[in-house]
């Protein structure tokens, strides 16, 4: 069992499994608007996009991808986060 978990992490497959759960979450939020409540699709994207980018950066780090790719994905996570914060601030004003 320990070898299975070690393999999941060293191959980055653990991130793939988490991303699969995120896809199910997105589908649930999009297909069942009652789950989404008063959230728009942009709200859902704003919540999920930075996390997806962080997961992709983790996968890069676990699998030994070049640091520049990992850094670029982390920068994209920050940009998505800023977009979400700015969009929410404008909506709250």
N, C-alpha and C. Protein backbone atom coordinates (compact mmCIF):
# COMPACT_ATOMS: atom_id res chain seq x y z
N UNK A 1 0.83 -1.20 0.00
CA UNK A 1 0.00 0.00 0.00
C UNK A 1 0.87 1.26 0.00
N UNK A 2 1.96 1.23 0.75
CA UNK A 2 2.86 2.36 0.79
C UNK A 2 3.48 2.65 -0.56
N UNK A 3 3.78 1.59 -1.31
CA UNK A 3 4.35 1.77 -2.65
C UNK A 3 3.35 2.43 -3.59
N UNK A 4 2.07 2.11 -3.42
CA UNK A 4 1.04 2.72 -4.25
C UNK A 4 0.99 4.23 -4.03
N UNK A 5 0.99 4.62 -2.77
CA UNK A 5 0.95 6.06 -2.45
C UNK A 5 2.21 6.76 -2.92
N UNK A 6 3.36 6.13 -2.74
CA UNK A 6 4.61 6.73 -3.21
C UNK A 6 4.58 6.90 -4.72
N UNK A 7 4.06 5.91 -5.41
CA UNK A 7 3.96 5.98 -6.87
C UNK A 7 2.99 7.08 -7.30
N UNK A 8 1.87 7.22 -6.59
CA UNK A 8 0.90 8.28 -6.92
C UNK A 8 1.54 9.66 -6.83
N UNK A 9 2.38 9.86 -5.82
CA UNK A 9 3.00 11.16 -5.63
C UNK A 9 4.16 11.39 -6.59
N UNK A 10 5.02 10.41 -6.77
CA UNK A 10 6.19 10.62 -7.62
C UNK A 10 5.80 10.75 -9.10
N UNK A 11 4.70 10.12 -9.48
CA UNK A 11 4.26 10.22 -10.88
C UNK A 11 3.37 11.44 -11.11
N UNK A 12 2.91 12.07 -10.04
CA UNK A 12 2.00 13.20 -10.18
C UNK A 12 0.56 12.79 -10.36
N UNK A 13 0.29 11.50 -10.34
CA UNK A 13 -1.08 10.99 -10.54
C UNK A 13 -2.02 11.43 -9.42
N UNK A 14 -1.48 11.69 -8.25
CA UNK A 14 -2.34 12.15 -7.16
C UNK A 14 -3.01 13.47 -7.54
N UNK A 15 -2.29 14.32 -8.25
CA UNK A 15 -2.85 15.59 -8.71
C UNK A 15 -3.92 15.33 -9.77
N UNK A 16 -3.67 14.36 -10.63
CA UNK A 16 -4.68 14.01 -11.64
C UNK A 16 -5.99 13.58 -10.98
N UNK A 17 -5.88 12.81 -9.92
CA UNK A 17 -7.08 12.37 -9.19
C UNK A 17 -7.81 13.56 -8.56
N UNK A 18 -7.05 14.48 -8.00
CA UNK A 18 -7.66 15.67 -7.40
C UNK A 18 -8.32 16.52 -8.47
N UNK A 19 -7.66 16.66 -9.62
CA UNK A 19 -8.24 17.43 -10.72
C UNK A 19 -9.53 16.77 -11.23
N UNK A 20 -9.59 15.47 -11.20
CA UNK A 20 -10.82 14.77 -11.58
C UNK A 20 -11.96 15.13 -10.63
N UNK A 21 -11.66 15.22 -9.35
CA UNK A 21 -12.67 15.64 -8.37
C UNK A 21 -13.10 17.08 -8.65
N UNK A 22 -12.15 17.93 -9.01
CA UNK A 22 -12.48 19.33 -9.33
C UNK A 22 -13.39 19.39 -10.56
N UNK A 23 -13.12 18.57 -11.56
CA UNK A 23 -13.99 18.54 -12.75
C UNK A 23 -15.40 18.13 -12.37
N UNK A 24 -15.53 17.14 -11.50
CA UNK A 24 -16.86 16.73 -11.02
C UNK A 24 -17.53 17.89 -10.29
N UNK A 25 -16.77 18.61 -9.49
CA UNK A 25 -17.30 19.78 -8.77
C UNK A 25 -17.79 20.84 -9.76
N UNK A 26 -16.99 21.11 -10.78
CA UNK A 26 -17.39 22.10 -11.79
C UNK A 26 -18.67 21.66 -12.49
N UNK A 27 -18.73 20.41 -12.89
CA UNK A 27 -19.93 19.90 -13.56
C UNK A 27 -21.15 20.01 -12.66
N UNK A 28 -20.98 19.68 -11.39
CA UNK A 28 -22.10 19.79 -10.45
C UNK A 28 -22.57 21.23 -10.32
N UNK A 29 -21.63 22.16 -10.23
CA UNK A 29 -22.00 23.57 -10.08
C UNK A 29 -22.65 24.13 -11.34
N UNK A 30 -22.21 23.65 -12.49
CA UNK A 30 -22.75 24.16 -13.75
C UNK A 30 -24.09 23.50 -14.07
N UNK A 31 -24.19 22.19 -13.85
CA UNK A 31 -25.40 21.47 -14.24
C UNK A 31 -26.54 21.60 -13.24
N UNK A 32 -26.20 21.85 -11.97
CA UNK A 32 -27.23 22.02 -10.95
C UNK A 32 -27.12 23.40 -10.33
N UNK A 33 -27.75 24.38 -10.97
CA UNK A 33 -27.65 25.78 -10.51
C UNK A 33 -28.03 25.96 -9.04
N UNK A 34 -28.89 25.10 -8.50
CA UNK A 34 -29.25 25.25 -7.09
C UNK A 34 -28.04 25.05 -6.18
N UNK A 35 -27.11 24.22 -6.60
CA UNK A 35 -25.87 24.04 -5.83
C UNK A 35 -25.03 25.30 -5.87
N UNK A 36 -25.12 25.98 -7.01
CA UNK A 36 -24.33 27.19 -7.21
C UNK A 36 -24.92 28.35 -6.42
N UNK A 37 -26.21 28.28 -6.12
CA UNK A 37 -26.85 29.36 -5.38
C UNK A 37 -26.88 30.63 -6.20
N UNK A 38 -26.39 31.70 -5.63
CA UNK A 38 -26.40 32.99 -6.32
C UNK A 38 -25.09 33.25 -7.06
N UNK A 39 -24.27 32.24 -7.23
CA UNK A 39 -22.99 32.40 -7.91
C UNK A 39 -23.18 32.34 -9.42
N UNK A 40 -22.54 33.25 -10.12
CA UNK A 40 -22.53 33.20 -11.58
C UNK A 40 -21.44 32.22 -12.03
N UNK A 41 -21.44 31.93 -13.31
CA UNK A 41 -20.38 31.07 -13.84
C UNK A 41 -19.01 31.73 -13.68
N UNK A 42 -18.97 33.07 -13.76
CA UNK A 42 -17.70 33.79 -13.54
C UNK A 42 -17.25 33.62 -12.09
N UNK A 43 -18.19 33.59 -11.16
CA UNK A 43 -17.84 33.35 -9.76
C UNK A 43 -17.22 31.96 -9.59
N UNK A 44 -17.83 30.98 -10.23
CA UNK A 44 -17.32 29.61 -10.15
C UNK A 44 -15.92 29.55 -10.75
N UNK A 45 -15.74 30.18 -11.91
CA UNK A 45 -14.42 30.18 -12.56
C UNK A 45 -13.39 30.89 -11.67
N UNK A 46 -13.80 32.00 -11.06
CA UNK A 46 -12.89 32.74 -10.19
C UNK A 46 -12.46 31.94 -8.98
N UNK A 47 -13.35 31.11 -8.48
CA UNK A 47 -13.01 30.28 -7.33
C UNK A 47 -12.10 29.11 -7.72
N UNK A 48 -12.37 28.54 -8.87
CA UNK A 48 -11.70 27.29 -9.23
C UNK A 48 -10.39 27.48 -9.98
N UNK A 49 -10.31 28.48 -10.84
CA UNK A 49 -9.12 28.64 -11.70
C UNK A 49 -7.81 28.76 -10.91
N UNK A 50 -7.73 29.60 -9.86
CA UNK A 50 -6.45 29.67 -9.14
C UNK A 50 -6.06 28.33 -8.52
N UNK A 51 -7.02 27.62 -7.98
CA UNK A 51 -6.73 26.31 -7.38
C UNK A 51 -6.26 25.30 -8.40
N UNK A 52 -6.87 25.31 -9.57
CA UNK A 52 -6.45 24.40 -10.64
C UNK A 52 -5.00 24.72 -11.03
N UNK A 53 -4.68 26.00 -11.14
CA UNK A 53 -3.31 26.38 -11.49
C UNK A 53 -2.32 25.91 -10.41
N UNK A 54 -2.70 26.05 -9.14
CA UNK A 54 -1.83 25.58 -8.06
C UNK A 54 -1.64 24.07 -8.13
N UNK A 55 -2.71 23.35 -8.45
CA UNK A 55 -2.58 21.90 -8.59
C UNK A 55 -1.66 21.54 -9.75
N UNK A 56 -1.78 22.25 -10.85
CA UNK A 56 -0.90 21.98 -11.99
C UNK A 56 0.56 22.30 -11.65
N UNK A 57 0.78 23.36 -10.88
CA UNK A 57 2.14 23.68 -10.44
C UNK A 57 2.68 22.58 -9.53
N UNK A 58 1.83 22.07 -8.66
CA UNK A 58 2.24 20.96 -7.79
C UNK A 58 2.61 19.75 -8.63
N UNK A 59 1.82 19.45 -9.64
CA UNK A 59 2.13 18.31 -10.50
C UNK A 59 3.48 18.50 -11.18
N UNK A 60 3.74 19.71 -11.65
CA UNK A 60 5.04 20.00 -12.26
C UNK A 60 6.17 19.77 -11.27
N UNK A 61 5.97 20.26 -10.05
CA UNK A 61 7.02 20.11 -9.03
C UNK A 61 7.25 18.64 -8.68
N UNK A 62 6.17 17.87 -8.59
CA UNK A 62 6.30 16.45 -8.24
C UNK A 62 6.97 15.64 -9.34
N UNK A 63 6.77 16.05 -10.57
CA UNK A 63 7.29 15.25 -11.69
C UNK A 63 8.61 15.77 -12.24
N UNK A 64 9.14 16.83 -11.64
CA UNK A 64 10.45 17.32 -12.07
C UNK A 64 10.42 18.15 -13.33
N UNK A 65 9.30 18.80 -13.59
CA UNK A 65 9.22 19.68 -14.76
C UNK A 65 10.17 20.87 -14.57
N UNK A 66 10.54 21.51 -15.66
CA UNK A 66 11.43 22.68 -15.53
C UNK A 66 10.84 23.74 -14.60
N UNK A 67 11.70 24.37 -13.84
CA UNK A 67 11.25 25.38 -12.87
C UNK A 67 10.54 26.54 -13.55
N UNK A 68 10.94 26.84 -14.76
CA UNK A 68 10.31 27.96 -15.46
C UNK A 68 8.83 27.68 -15.75
N UNK A 69 8.51 26.44 -16.06
CA UNK A 69 7.11 26.08 -16.30
C UNK A 69 6.32 26.16 -15.01
N UNK A 70 6.90 25.63 -13.94
CA UNK A 70 6.24 25.69 -12.64
C UNK A 70 6.00 27.15 -12.23
N UNK A 71 7.01 27.98 -12.42
CA UNK A 71 6.88 29.40 -12.07
C UNK A 71 5.83 30.09 -12.92
N UNK A 72 5.76 29.76 -14.20
CA UNK A 72 4.76 30.37 -15.09
C UNK A 72 3.35 29.98 -14.66
N UNK A 73 3.17 28.72 -14.27
CA UNK A 73 1.85 28.28 -13.82
C UNK A 73 1.49 28.96 -12.50
N UNK A 74 2.46 29.12 -11.61
CA UNK A 74 2.20 29.85 -10.35
C UNK A 74 1.83 31.30 -10.63
N UNK A 75 2.51 31.91 -11.60
CA UNK A 75 2.17 33.29 -11.98
C UNK A 75 0.75 33.36 -12.53
N UNK A 76 0.35 32.36 -13.31
CA UNK A 76 -1.01 32.32 -13.84
C UNK A 76 -2.02 32.19 -12.69
N UNK A 77 -1.69 31.40 -11.68
CA UNK A 77 -2.57 31.28 -10.52
C UNK A 77 -2.76 32.63 -9.85
N UNK A 78 -1.68 33.38 -9.75
CA UNK A 78 -1.76 34.71 -9.14
C UNK A 78 -2.62 35.65 -9.97
N UNK A 79 -2.46 35.60 -11.29
CA UNK A 79 -3.25 36.45 -12.18
C UNK A 79 -4.73 36.10 -12.06
N UNK A 80 -5.07 34.81 -12.06
CA UNK A 80 -6.46 34.41 -11.88
C UNK A 80 -7.00 34.87 -10.53
N UNK A 81 -6.18 34.76 -9.50
CA UNK A 81 -6.59 35.20 -8.17
C UNK A 81 -6.87 36.71 -8.16
N UNK A 82 -5.95 37.49 -8.74
CA UNK A 82 -6.16 38.94 -8.81
C UNK A 82 -7.41 39.28 -9.59
N UNK A 83 -7.63 38.60 -10.71
CA UNK A 83 -8.84 38.82 -11.50
C UNK A 83 -10.09 38.58 -10.65
N UNK A 84 -10.08 37.51 -9.89
CA UNK A 84 -11.23 37.20 -9.05
C UNK A 84 -11.44 38.25 -7.97
N UNK A 85 -10.37 38.66 -7.32
CA UNK A 85 -10.47 39.67 -6.25
C UNK A 85 -10.98 41.00 -6.81
N UNK A 86 -10.41 41.44 -7.92
CA UNK A 86 -10.83 42.71 -8.53
C UNK A 86 -12.29 42.64 -8.96
N UNK A 87 -12.66 41.53 -9.59
CA UNK A 87 -14.04 41.36 -10.03
C UNK A 87 -15.02 41.38 -8.87
N UNK A 88 -14.65 40.74 -7.79
CA UNK A 88 -15.51 40.73 -6.61
C UNK A 88 -15.59 42.10 -5.95
N UNK A 89 -14.47 42.81 -5.90
CA UNK A 89 -14.47 44.16 -5.31
C UNK A 89 -15.38 45.09 -6.11
N UNK A 90 -15.33 44.99 -7.42
CA UNK A 90 -16.18 45.83 -8.25
C UNK A 90 -17.64 45.49 -8.06
N UNK A 91 -17.93 44.22 -7.87
CA UNK A 91 -19.31 43.79 -7.65
C UNK A 91 -19.84 44.20 -6.30
N UNK A 92 -18.95 44.33 -5.31
CA UNK A 92 -19.36 44.67 -3.95
C UNK A 92 -19.57 46.18 -3.80
N UNK A 93 -18.97 46.95 -4.71
CA UNK A 93 -19.06 48.40 -4.56
C UNK A 93 -20.37 48.96 -5.04
